[in-house]
Amino acid sequence: MKLVTFTESERSRIGLLTGSGVIDLSQAAPELPTQMLSLLQKGDTAMHVVAQQQQAAPHFDLAAVTLQAPIARPPKILAIGLNYRAHAEESKMEIPQYPVVFTKQATSAVGPFDPVHSPAETNLLDYEGELAVVIGKRCRRVSKADAPKVIAGFCVLNDVSVREWQFLAKPPQFTMGKSWDTHSPFGPAIVTPDEVDPHDLMLRTFVNGELRQQSSTNDLIFDCYRIIEFLSTAFTLEPGDVIATGTPSGVGASMQPPATMQVGDRVKVEIEGLGHIENEIVAEPSTSFIG
């Protein structure tokens, strides 16, 4: 199944993405929640009801709706650094012995086709195409063998990075460098585990149509299940948590000369079986507010 959050007639709700459109779950199964996070929190019983709607006729053509971030505000956005061998090599870093973990703030989440802001504080705005895992069950100390049981699905994510803050600040500010508003576009859908093998998918990132990243997820140093085992050792994972599993080689900061993102660029990240996201880089608008 491909679970989506969409807006139609100025009202957002959840649905199923099909080959020809979107099944509106608020019509097909009105007993279900209308928000993705609430659906995931309902667990297997609710997902069974969703599965029963797969053969329904689409209520809307895809062109008639706007796809939103599958989860508007994930409880946590966790991310893994240096998790592709080739990326570690291009970064001139040793292959890590344990997952390198950092966080992105939930307010960085935006939709799969929303604009991404380029703040005035950076001349080194970079892309990182990534496979993301969405947690479906509350869990703690999950073994690698049991990790597949807690996954709701997979999606595409761009771990947008302000490199000055991430690397050049003293001391480096990973959380700040990774957490600007709009810097976690993801989607277009949560694709359930029965549809894909997360460790054998081709990932590609394009900037203005130019291929920048291309790798199979079989190059992951720590696979999705090992990551869940590692993270859940320290803290509880909850339905709706998003885990970005790392980016392959080809990031702009590692090119010679560096080729980071500029206002007006369009960045597309596609993953086999999961679809694609595509975002225009725009100058950050005036967003100062209180209340």
C-alpha atoms as a PDB file:
ATOM      1  CA  MET A   1       0.000   0.000   0.000  1.00  0.00           C
ATOM      2  CA  LYS A   2       0.993   3.599  -0.565  1.00  0.00           C
ATOM      3  CA  LEU A   3      -0.397   5.771   2.235  1.00  0.00           C
ATOM      4  CA  VAL A   4      -0.647   9.499   1.560  1.00  0.00           C
ATOM      5  CA  THR A   5      -1.797  12.705   3.165  1.00  0.00           C
ATOM      6  CA  PHE A   6      -3.479  14.960   0.630  1.00  0.00           C
ATOM      7  CA  THR A   7      -5.431  18.193   0.367  1.00  0.00           C
ATOM      8  CA  GLU A   8      -8.509  18.614  -1.792  1.00  0.00           C
ATOM      9  CA  SER A   9     -11.022  21.466  -1.569  1.00  0.00           C
ATOM     10  CA  GLU A  10      -8.867  23.025   1.173  1.00  0.00           C
ATOM     11  CA  ARG A  11      -9.308  19.976   3.426  1.00  0.00           C
ATOM     12  CA  SER A  12      -6.502  17.581   4.320  1.00  0.00           C
ATOM     13  CA  ARG A  13      -7.016  13.882   5.008  1.00  0.00           C
ATOM     14  CA  ILE A  14      -5.386  10.534   4.348  1.00  0.00           C
ATOM     15  CA  GLY A  15      -5.729   8.188   1.420  1.00  0.00           C
ATOM     16  CA  LEU A  16      -4.278   5.422  -0.688  1.00  0.00           C
ATOM     17  CA  LEU A  17      -2.253   6.264  -3.757  1.00  0.00           C
ATOM     18  CA  THR A  18      -3.145   4.055  -6.721  1.00  0.00           C
ATOM     19  CA  GLY A  19      -1.984   3.924 -10.313  1.00  0.00           C
ATOM     20  CA  SER A  20      -4.772   6.238 -11.411  1.00  0.00           C
ATOM     21  CA  GLY A  21      -5.493   8.456  -8.442  1.00  0.00           C
ATOM     22  CA  VAL A  22      -6.218   8.639  -4.731  1.00  0.00           C
ATOM     23  CA  ILE A  23      -8.693   6.639  -2.667  1.00  0.00           C
ATOM     24  CA  ASP A  24     -10.073   8.985  -0.011  1.00  0.00           C
ATOM     25  CA  LEU A  25     -10.135   6.947   3.205  1.00  0.00           C
ATOM     26  CA  SER A  26     -12.495   9.440   4.827  1.00  0.00           C
ATOM     27  CA  GLN A  27     -15.066   8.264   2.285  1.00  0.00           C
ATOM     28  CA  ALA A  28     -14.015   4.629   1.873  1.00  0.00           C
ATOM     29  CA  ALA A  29     -13.644   3.948   5.612  1.00  0.00           C
ATOM     30  CA  PRO A  30     -15.086   6.881   7.592  1.00  0.00           C
ATOM     31  CA  GLU A  31     -14.479   5.078  10.893  1.00  0.00           C
ATOM     32  CA  LEU A  32     -10.726   5.620  10.459  1.00  0.00           C
ATOM     33  CA  PRO A  33      -8.825   8.693  11.679  1.00  0.00           C
ATOM     34  CA  THR A  34      -8.264  11.419   9.107  1.00  0.00           C
ATOM     35  CA  GLN A  35      -4.649  12.120  10.129  1.00  0.00           C
ATOM     36  CA  MET A  36      -1.735   9.799   9.381  1.00  0.00           C
ATOM     37  CA  LEU A  37      -0.194   9.931  12.834  1.00  0.00           C
ATOM     38  CA  SER A  38      -3.485   8.953  14.440  1.00  0.00           C
ATOM     39  CA  LEU A  39      -3.876   6.110  11.942  1.00  0.00           C
ATOM     40  CA  LEU A  40      -0.435   4.708  12.756  1.00  0.00           C
ATOM     41  CA  GLN A  41      -1.151   4.977  16.468  1.00  0.00           C
ATOM     42  CA  LYS A  42      -4.261   2.807  15.986  1.00  0.00           C
ATOM     43  CA  GLY A  43      -1.999  -0.082  14.981  1.00  0.00           C
ATOM     44  CA  ASP A  44      -2.673  -3.290  13.093  1.00  0.00           C
ATOM     45  CA  THR A  45      -6.459  -3.207  13.405  1.00  0.00           C
ATOM     46  CA  ALA A  46      -6.675   0.125  11.600  1.00  0.00           C
ATOM     47  CA  MET A  47      -4.135  -0.933   8.980  1.00  0.00           C
ATOM     48  CA  HIS A  48      -6.209  -4.031   8.266  1.00  0.00           C
ATOM     49  CA  VAL A  49      -9.204  -1.778   7.557  1.00  0.00           C
ATOM     50  CA  VAL A  50      -7.042   0.323   5.239  1.00  0.00           C
ATOM     51  CA  ALA A  51      -5.888  -2.784   3.377  1.00  0.00           C
ATOM     52  CA  GLN A  52      -9.493  -3.725   2.698  1.00  0.00           C
ATOM     53  CA  GLN A  53      -9.984  -0.505   0.716  1.00  0.00           C
ATOM     54  CA  GLN A  54      -7.266  -1.167  -1.857  1.00  0.00           C
ATOM     55  CA  GLN A  55      -9.683  -2.296  -4.567  1.00  0.00           C
ATOM     56  CA  ALA A  56     -11.951   0.734  -4.230  1.00  0.00           C
ATOM     57  CA  ALA A  57     -12.253   3.085  -7.166  1.00  0.00           C
ATOM     58  CA  PRO A  58     -10.159   6.250  -6.761  1.00  0.00           C
ATOM     59  CA  HIS A  59     -12.143   9.247  -5.603  1.00  0.00           C
ATOM     60  CA  PHE A  60      -9.784  11.797  -7.161  1.00  0.00           C
ATOM     61  CA  ASP A  61      -7.334  12.017 -10.022  1.00  0.00           C
ATOM     62  CA  LEU A  62      -3.835  12.713  -8.772  1.00  0.00           C
ATOM     63  CA  ALA A  63      -3.871  16.065 -10.576  1.00  0.00           C
ATOM     64  CA  ALA A  64      -6.883  17.138  -8.512  1.00  0.00           C
ATOM     65  CA  VAL A  65      -5.124  16.843  -5.135  1.00  0.00           C
ATOM     66  CA  THR A  66      -2.009  18.204  -3.463  1.00  0.00           C
ATOM     67  CA  LEU A  67       0.191  15.644  -1.732  1.00  0.00           C
ATOM     68  CA  GLN A  68       1.394  16.804   1.669  1.00  0.00           C
ATOM     69  CA  ALA A  69       4.073  15.454   3.979  1.00  0.00           C
ATOM     70  CA  PRO A  70       2.725  12.006   4.923  1.00  0.00           C
ATOM     71  CA  ILE A  71       3.041  13.006   8.604  1.00  0.00           C
ATOM     72  CA  ALA A  72       2.709  16.734   9.190  1.00  0.00           C
ATOM     73  CA  ARG A  73       4.772  16.771  12.389  1.00  0.00           C
ATOM     74  CA  PRO A  74       6.618  13.512  13.018  1.00  0.00           C
ATOM     75  CA  PRO A  75       7.164  12.894  16.737  1.00  0.00           C
ATOM     76  CA  LYS A  76      10.886  12.511  16.013  1.00  0.00           C
ATOM     77  CA  ILE A  77      13.063  12.868  12.934  1.00  0.00           C
ATOM     78  CA  LEU A  78      16.221  10.840  13.480  1.00  0.00           C
ATOM     79  CA  ALA A  79      19.039  10.580  10.990  1.00  0.00           C
ATOM     80  CA  ILE A  80      22.173   8.556  10.373  1.00  0.00           C
ATOM     81  CA  GLY A  81      25.403  10.072   9.065  1.00  0.00           C
ATOM     82  CA  LEU A  82      28.126   8.433   6.976  1.00  0.00           C
ATOM     83  CA  ASN A  83      26.025   5.358   6.308  1.00  0.00           C
ATOM     84  CA  TYR A  84      27.063   4.643   2.700  1.00  0.00           C
ATOM     85  CA  ARG A  85      30.581   3.380   2.165  1.00  0.00           C
ATOM     86  CA  ALA A  86      31.192   5.585  -0.853  1.00  0.00           C
ATOM     87  CA  HIS A  87      29.930   8.684   0.981  1.00  0.00           C
ATOM     88  CA  ALA A  88      32.245   8.031   3.924  1.00  0.00           C
ATOM     89  CA  GLU A  89      35.116   7.729   1.467  1.00  0.00           C
ATOM     90  CA  GLU A  90      34.279  10.975  -0.376  1.00  0.00           C
ATOM     91  CA  SER A  91      34.025  12.711   3.014  1.00  0.00           C
ATOM     92  CA  LYS A  92      37.488  11.353   3.880  1.00  0.00           C
ATOM     93  CA  MET A  93      36.097   9.749   7.022  1.00  0.00           C
ATOM     94  CA  GLU A  94      36.689   6.310   8.467  1.00  0.00           C
ATOM     95  CA  ILE A  95      33.941   3.724   8.104  1.00  0.00           C
ATOM     96  CA  PRO A  96      32.040   4.049  11.408  1.00  0.00           C
ATOM     97  CA  GLN A  97      31.828   1.081  13.756  1.00  0.00           C
ATOM     98  CA  TYR A  98      28.444   2.214  15.090  1.00  0.00           C
ATOM     99  CA  PRO A  99      25.667   4.311  13.512  1.00  0.00           C
ATOM    100  CA  VAL A 100      26.352   8.050  13.645  1.00  0.00           C
ATOM    101  CA  VAL A 101      23.103   9.516  14.984  1.00  0.00           C
ATOM    102  CA  PHE A 102      21.761  13.077  14.877  1.00  0.00           C
ATOM    103  CA  THR A 103      18.317  14.659  14.979  1.00  0.00           C
ATOM    104  CA  LYS A 104      16.352  16.993  12.757  1.00  0.00           C
ATOM    105  CA  GLN A 105      13.623  19.035  14.374  1.00  0.00           C
ATOM    106  CA  ALA A 106      10.023  18.102  13.545  1.00  0.00           C
ATOM    107  CA  THR A 107       9.376  21.624  12.252  1.00  0.00           C
ATOM    108  CA  SER A 108      11.770  20.935   9.367  1.00  0.00           C
ATOM    109  CA  ALA A 109       9.210  18.556   7.800  1.00  0.00           C
ATOM    110  CA  VAL A 110       7.465  19.682   4.606  1.00  0.00           C
ATOM    111  CA  GLY A 111       5.697  18.036   1.716  1.00  0.00           C
ATOM    112  CA  PRO A 112       7.217  16.150  -1.204  1.00  0.00           C
ATOM    113  CA  PHE A 113       6.740  19.022  -3.660  1.00  0.00           C
ATOM    114  CA  ASP A 114       6.899  22.049  -1.349  1.00  0.00           C
ATOM    115  CA  PRO A 115       9.524  24.805  -1.679  1.00  0.00           C
ATOM    116  CA  VAL A 116      12.727  24.478   0.350  1.00  0.00           C
ATOM    117  CA  HIS A 117      14.044  27.704   1.872  1.00  0.00           C
ATOM    118  CA  SER A 118      17.577  28.952   1.350  1.00  0.00           C
ATOM    119  CA  PRO A 119      18.329  31.137   4.386  1.00  0.00           C
ATOM    120  CA  ALA A 120      20.505  34.234   4.175  1.00  0.00           C
ATOM    121  CA  GLU A 121      22.977  32.592   6.582  1.00  0.00           C
ATOM    122  CA  THR A 122      24.238  30.064   4.028  1.00  0.00           C
ATOM    123  CA  ASN A 123      26.130  29.872   0.775  1.00  0.00           C
ATOM    124  CA  LEU A 124      26.545  26.112   1.238  1.00  0.00           C
ATOM    125  CA  LEU A 125      23.024  24.686   1.119  1.00  0.00           C
ATOM    126  CA  ASP A 126      23.319  21.013   0.231  1.00  0.00           C
ATOM    127  CA  TYR A 127      21.104  18.091  -0.742  1.00  0.00           C
ATOM    128  CA  GLU A 128      21.206  14.548   0.645  1.00  0.00           C
ATOM    129  CA  GLY A 129      18.832  12.077  -0.983  1.00  0.00           C
ATOM    130  CA  GLU A 130      17.878   9.370   1.516  1.00  0.00           C
ATOM    131  CA  LEU A 131      15.710   6.350   2.183  1.00  0.00           C
ATOM    132  CA  ALA A 132      13.516   7.032   5.212  1.00  0.00           C
ATOM    133  CA  VAL A 133      11.896   4.507   7.538  1.00  0.00           C
ATOM    134  CA  VAL A 134       8.584   5.287   9.255  1.00  0.00           C
ATOM    135  CA  ILE A 135       7.984   3.564  12.585  1.00  0.00           C
ATOM    136  CA  GLY A 136       4.583   1.945  13.058  1.00  0.00           C
ATOM    137  CA  LYS A 137       4.714   0.523  16.592  1.00  0.00           C
ATOM    138  CA  ARG A 138       5.851   1.856  19.944  1.00  0.00           C
ATOM    139  CA  CYS A 139       8.943  -0.131  20.832  1.00  0.00           C
ATOM    140  CA  ARG A 140      12.106  -0.288  22.922  1.00  0.00           C
ATOM    141  CA  ARG A 141      15.158  -2.577  22.783  1.00  0.00           C
ATOM    142  CA  VAL A 142      14.067  -4.196  19.544  1.00  0.00           C
ATOM    143  CA  SER A 143      16.341  -6.898  18.150  1.00  0.00           C
ATOM    144  CA  LYS A 144      17.472  -6.723  14.545  1.00  0.00           C
ATOM    145  CA  ALA A 145      15.418  -9.853  13.874  1.00  0.00           C
ATOM    146  CA  ASP A 146      12.251  -8.209  15.220  1.00  0.00           C
ATOM    147  CA  ALA A 147      12.850  -4.779  13.678  1.00  0.00           C
ATOM    148  CA  PRO A 148      10.751  -5.465  10.532  1.00  0.00           C
ATOM    149  CA  LYS A 149       7.706  -5.873  12.794  1.00  0.00           C
ATOM    150  CA  VAL A 150       7.823  -2.229  13.925  1.00  0.00           C
ATOM    151  CA  ILE A 151       8.128  -0.607  10.479  1.00  0.00           C
ATOM    152  CA  ALA A 152       5.035   1.036   8.997  1.00  0.00           C
ATOM    153  CA  GLY A 153       6.759   1.741   5.689  1.00  0.00           C
ATOM    154  CA  PHE A 154       9.356   3.620   3.712  1.00  0.00           C
ATOM    155  CA  CYS A 155       9.527   6.925   1.862  1.00  0.00           C
ATOM    156  CA  VAL A 156      11.888   9.361   0.148  1.00  0.00           C
ATOM    157  CA  LEU A 157      13.545  12.188   2.109  1.00  0.00           C
ATOM    158  CA  ASN A 158      15.977  14.992   1.320  1.00  0.00           C
ATOM    159  CA  ASP A 159      18.173  15.714   4.335  1.00  0.00           C
ATOM    160  CA  VAL A 160      18.802  19.347   3.372  1.00  0.00           C
ATOM    161  CA  SER A 161      21.885  20.656   5.144  1.00  0.00           C
ATOM    162  CA  VAL A 162      23.348  24.082   5.940  1.00  0.00           C
ATOM    163  CA  ARG A 163      27.004  23.102   5.763  1.00  0.00           C
ATOM    164  CA  GLU A 164      28.406  26.254   7.423  1.00  0.00           C
ATOM    165  CA  TRP A 165      26.524  25.431  10.620  1.00  0.00           C
ATOM    166  CA  GLN A 166      27.025  21.683  10.348  1.00  0.00           C
ATOM    167  CA  PHE A 167      30.809  21.737   9.865  1.00  0.00           C
ATOM    168  CA  LEU A 168      32.333  25.235   9.960  1.00  0.00           C
ATOM    169  CA  ALA A 169      30.826  26.652  13.150  1.00  0.00           C
ATOM    170  CA  LYS A 170      32.975  26.374  16.272  1.00  0.00           C
ATOM    171  CA  PRO A 171      31.927  24.049  17.691  1.00  0.00           C
ATOM    172  CA  PRO A 172      30.072  22.377  14.784  1.00  0.00           C
ATOM    173  CA  GLN A 173      26.295  22.585  15.106  1.00  0.00           C
ATOM    174  CA  PHE A 174      24.820  19.417  13.574  1.00  0.00           C
ATOM    175  CA  THR A 175      21.329  19.958  14.971  1.00  0.00           C
ATOM    176  CA  MET A 176      21.198  23.563  13.809  1.00  0.00           C
ATOM    177  CA  GLY A 177      22.754  22.742  10.455  1.00  0.00           C
ATOM    178  CA  LYS A 178      20.174  20.042   9.781  1.00  0.00           C
ATOM    179  CA  SER A 179      17.002  21.530  11.235  1.00  0.00           C
ATOM    180  CA  TRP A 180      16.070  24.726   9.423  1.00  0.00           C
ATOM    181  CA  ASP A 181      12.374  24.984   8.616  1.00  0.00           C
ATOM    182  CA  THR A 182      11.545  23.188   5.301  1.00  0.00           C
ATOM    183  CA  HIS A 183      14.790  21.179   5.362  1.00  0.00           C
ATOM    184  CA  SER A 184      13.171  17.739   5.586  1.00  0.00           C
ATOM    185  CA  PRO A 185      10.912  17.358   2.555  1.00  0.00           C
ATOM    186  CA  PHE A 186       9.624  13.793   2.441  1.00  0.00           C
ATOM    187  CA  GLY A 187       7.033  11.553   0.828  1.00  0.00           C
ATOM    188  CA  PRO A 188       5.328  11.208  -1.534  1.00  0.00           C
ATOM    189  CA  ALA A 189       3.811   8.208   0.277  1.00  0.00           C
ATOM    190  CA  ILE A 190       4.518   5.765   3.058  1.00  0.00           C
ATOM    191  CA  VAL A 191       5.038   2.533   1.129  1.00  0.00           C
ATOM    192  CA  THR A 192       4.320  -0.516   3.254  1.00  0.00           C
ATOM    193  CA  PRO A 193       7.056  -3.152   3.720  1.00  0.00           C
ATOM    194  CA  ASP A 194       5.234  -5.813   1.703  1.00  0.00           C
ATOM    195  CA  GLU A 195       5.865  -3.782  -1.461  1.00  0.00           C
ATOM    196  CA  VAL A 196       9.658  -3.256  -1.376  1.00  0.00           C
ATOM    197  CA  ASP A 197      12.934  -4.693  -0.153  1.00  0.00           C
ATOM    198  CA  PRO A 198      14.495  -1.619   1.498  1.00  0.00           C
ATOM    199  CA  HIS A 199      18.003  -2.970   1.040  1.00  0.00           C
ATOM    200  CA  ASP A 200      17.896  -3.382  -2.732  1.00  0.00           C
ATOM    201  CA  LEU A 201      16.544  -0.095  -4.080  1.00  0.00           C
ATOM    202  CA  MET A 202      18.147   2.338  -6.528  1.00  0.00           C
ATOM    203  CA  LEU A 203      18.377   5.909  -5.232  1.00  0.00           C
ATOM    204  CA  ARG A 204      19.044   8.893  -7.516  1.00  0.00           C
ATOM    205  CA  THR A 205      19.279  12.621  -6.864  1.00  0.00           C
ATOM    206  CA  PHE A 206      19.067  15.219  -9.650  1.00  0.00           C
ATOM    207  CA  VAL A 207      19.723  18.958  -9.527  1.00  0.00           C
ATOM    208  CA  ASN A 208      18.108  20.761 -12.470  1.00  0.00           C
ATOM    209  CA  GLY A 209      18.008  17.441 -14.292  1.00  0.00           C
ATOM    210  CA  GLU A 210      21.702  16.671 -13.703  1.00  0.00           C
ATOM    211  CA  LEU A 211      22.330  13.330 -11.981  1.00  0.00           C
ATOM    212  CA  ARG A 212      24.308  13.968  -8.796  1.00  0.00           C
ATOM    213  CA  GLN A 213      23.753  10.829  -6.693  1.00  0.00           C
ATOM    214  CA  GLN A 214      23.195   7.244  -7.776  1.00  0.00           C
ATOM    215  CA  SER A 215      23.515   4.240  -5.516  1.00  0.00           C
ATOM    216  CA  SER A 216      21.729   1.135  -4.376  1.00  0.00           C
ATOM    217  CA  THR A 217      20.656   0.905  -0.773  1.00  0.00           C
ATOM    218  CA  ASN A 218      22.693  -2.300  -0.662  1.00  0.00           C
ATOM    219  CA  ASP A 219      25.671   0.019  -0.020  1.00  0.00           C
ATOM    220  CA  LEU A 220      24.285   0.946   3.413  1.00  0.00           C
ATOM    221  CA  ILE A 221      26.815   0.255   6.146  1.00  0.00           C
ATOM    222  CA  PHE A 222      24.068  -0.232   8.752  1.00  0.00           C
ATOM    223  CA  ASP A 223      20.814  -1.517   7.308  1.00  0.00           C
ATOM    224  CA  CYS A 224      17.367  -0.370   8.427  1.00  0.00           C
ATOM    225  CA  TYR A 225      16.955  -3.188  10.938  1.00  0.00           C
ATOM    226  CA  ARG A 226      20.351  -2.639  12.562  1.00  0.00           C
ATOM    227  CA  ILE A 227      19.556   1.082  12.860  1.00  0.00           C
ATOM    228  CA  ILE A 228      16.283   0.364  14.661  1.00  0.00           C
ATOM    229  CA  GLU A 229      18.039  -2.067  16.991  1.00  0.00           C
ATOM    230  CA  PHE A 230      20.686   0.551  17.788  1.00  0.00           C
ATOM    231  CA  LEU A 231      18.322   3.504  18.308  1.00  0.00           C
ATOM    232  CA  SER A 232      15.809   1.571  20.394  1.00  0.00           C
ATOM    233  CA  THR A 233      18.574   0.553  22.789  1.00  0.00           C
ATOM    234  CA  ALA A 234      18.617   4.108  24.121  1.00  0.00           C
ATOM    235  CA  PHE A 235      15.066   5.392  23.725  1.00  0.00           C
ATOM    236  CA  THR A 236      11.535   4.449  22.831  1.00  0.00           C
ATOM    237  CA  LEU A 237      10.548   4.668  19.191  1.00  0.00           C
ATOM    238  CA  GLU A 238       6.972   5.728  18.535  1.00  0.00           C
ATOM    239  CA  PRO A 239       4.489   5.474  15.656  1.00  0.00           C
ATOM    240  CA  GLY A 240       5.212   8.227  13.170  1.00  0.00           C
ATOM    241  CA  ASP A 241       8.904   8.602  13.990  1.00  0.00           C
ATOM    242  CA  VAL A 242      10.908   9.087  10.794  1.00  0.00           C
ATOM    243  CA  ILE A 243      14.441   7.725  10.447  1.00  0.00           C
ATOM    244  CA  ALA A 244      16.578   9.025   7.581  1.00  0.00           C
ATOM    245  CA  THR A 245      19.082   6.254   6.884  1.00  0.00           C
ATOM    246  CA  GLY A 246      21.933   8.253   5.325  1.00  0.00           C
ATOM    247  CA  THR A 247      22.951   9.562   1.931  1.00  0.00           C
ATOM    248  CA  PRO A 248      25.184   8.059  -0.777  1.00  0.00           C
ATOM    249  CA  SER A 249      28.157   9.749  -2.412  1.00  0.00           C
ATOM    250  CA  GLY A 250      27.674  12.745  -4.682  1.00  0.00           C
ATOM    251  CA  VAL A 251      26.714  15.511  -2.265  1.00  0.00           C
ATOM    252  CA  GLY A 252      27.424  19.006  -3.534  1.00  0.00           C
ATOM    253  CA  ALA A 253      29.898  19.931  -0.799  1.00  0.00           C
ATOM    254  CA  SER A 254      32.216  17.089  -1.847  1.00  0.00           C
ATOM    255  CA  MET A 255      32.351  18.062  -5.517  1.00  0.00           C
ATOM    256  CA  GLN A 256      35.308  19.982  -6.906  1.00  0.00           C
ATOM    257  CA  PRO A 257      34.504  22.819  -6.941  1.00  0.00           C
ATOM    258  CA  PRO A 258      31.588  22.512  -4.494  1.00  0.00           C
ATOM    259  CA  ALA A 259      28.198  22.515  -6.243  1.00  0.00           C
ATOM    260  CA  THR A 260      25.682  23.269  -3.533  1.00  0.00           C
ATOM    261  CA  MET A 261      22.108  24.429  -4.117  1.00  0.00           C
ATOM    262  CA  GLN A 262      21.148  27.881  -5.322  1.00  0.00           C
ATOM    263  CA  VAL A 263      17.864  29.779  -5.373  1.00  0.00           C
ATOM    264  CA  GLY A 264      15.925  28.625  -8.435  1.00  0.00           C
ATOM    265  CA  ASP A 265      17.362  25.090  -8.442  1.00  0.00           C
ATOM    266  CA  ARG A 266      15.020  22.126  -8.575  1.00  0.00           C
ATOM    267  CA  VAL A 267      16.135  19.062  -6.654  1.00  0.00           C
ATOM    268  CA  LYS A 268      14.572  15.678  -7.339  1.00  0.00           C
ATOM    269  CA  VAL A 269      15.181  12.568  -5.256  1.00  0.00           C
ATOM    270  CA  GLU A 270      13.763   9.286  -6.518  1.00  0.00           C
ATOM    271  CA  ILE A 271      13.901   5.811  -5.019  1.00  0.00           C
ATOM    272  CA  GLU A 272      12.892   2.699  -6.871  1.00  0.00           C
ATOM    273  CA  GLY A 273       9.460   1.522  -5.750  1.00  0.00           C
ATOM    274  CA  LEU A 274       8.843   4.575  -3.536  1.00  0.00           C
ATOM    275  CA  GLY A 275       8.355   7.346  -6.083  1.00  0.00           C
ATOM    276  CA  HIS A 276      10.034  10.744  -5.997  1.00  0.00           C
ATOM    277  CA  ILE A 277      10.029  14.114  -4.312  1.00  0.00           C
ATOM    278  CA  GLU A 278      10.947  17.346  -6.088  1.00  0.00           C
ATOM    279  CA  ASN A 279      11.476  20.714  -4.461  1.00  0.00           C
ATOM    280  CA  GLU A 280      12.367  24.184  -5.713  1.00  0.00           C
ATOM    281  CA  ILE A 281      14.944  26.141  -3.749  1.00  0.00           C
ATOM    282  CA  VAL A 282      13.577  29.590  -2.882  1.00  0.00           C
ATOM    283  CA  ALA A 283      14.933  32.467  -0.849  1.00  0.00           C
ATOM    284  CA  GLU A 284      13.697  32.184   2.718  1.00  0.00           C
ATOM    285  CA  PRO A 285      10.803  34.604   3.131  1.00  0.00           C
ATOM    286  CA  SER A 286      10.520  36.945   6.068  1.00  0.00           C
ATOM    287  CA  THR A 287       9.342  34.553   8.760  1.00  0.00           C
ATOM    288  CA  SER A 288       9.864  36.539  11.964  1.00  0.00           C
ATOM    289  CA  PHE A 289       6.789  36.163  14.170  1.00  0.00           C
ATOM    290  CA  ILE A 290       5.604  35.806  17.735  1.00  0.00           C
ATOM    291  CA  GLY A 291       2.480  33.809  18.442  1.00  0.00           C
END
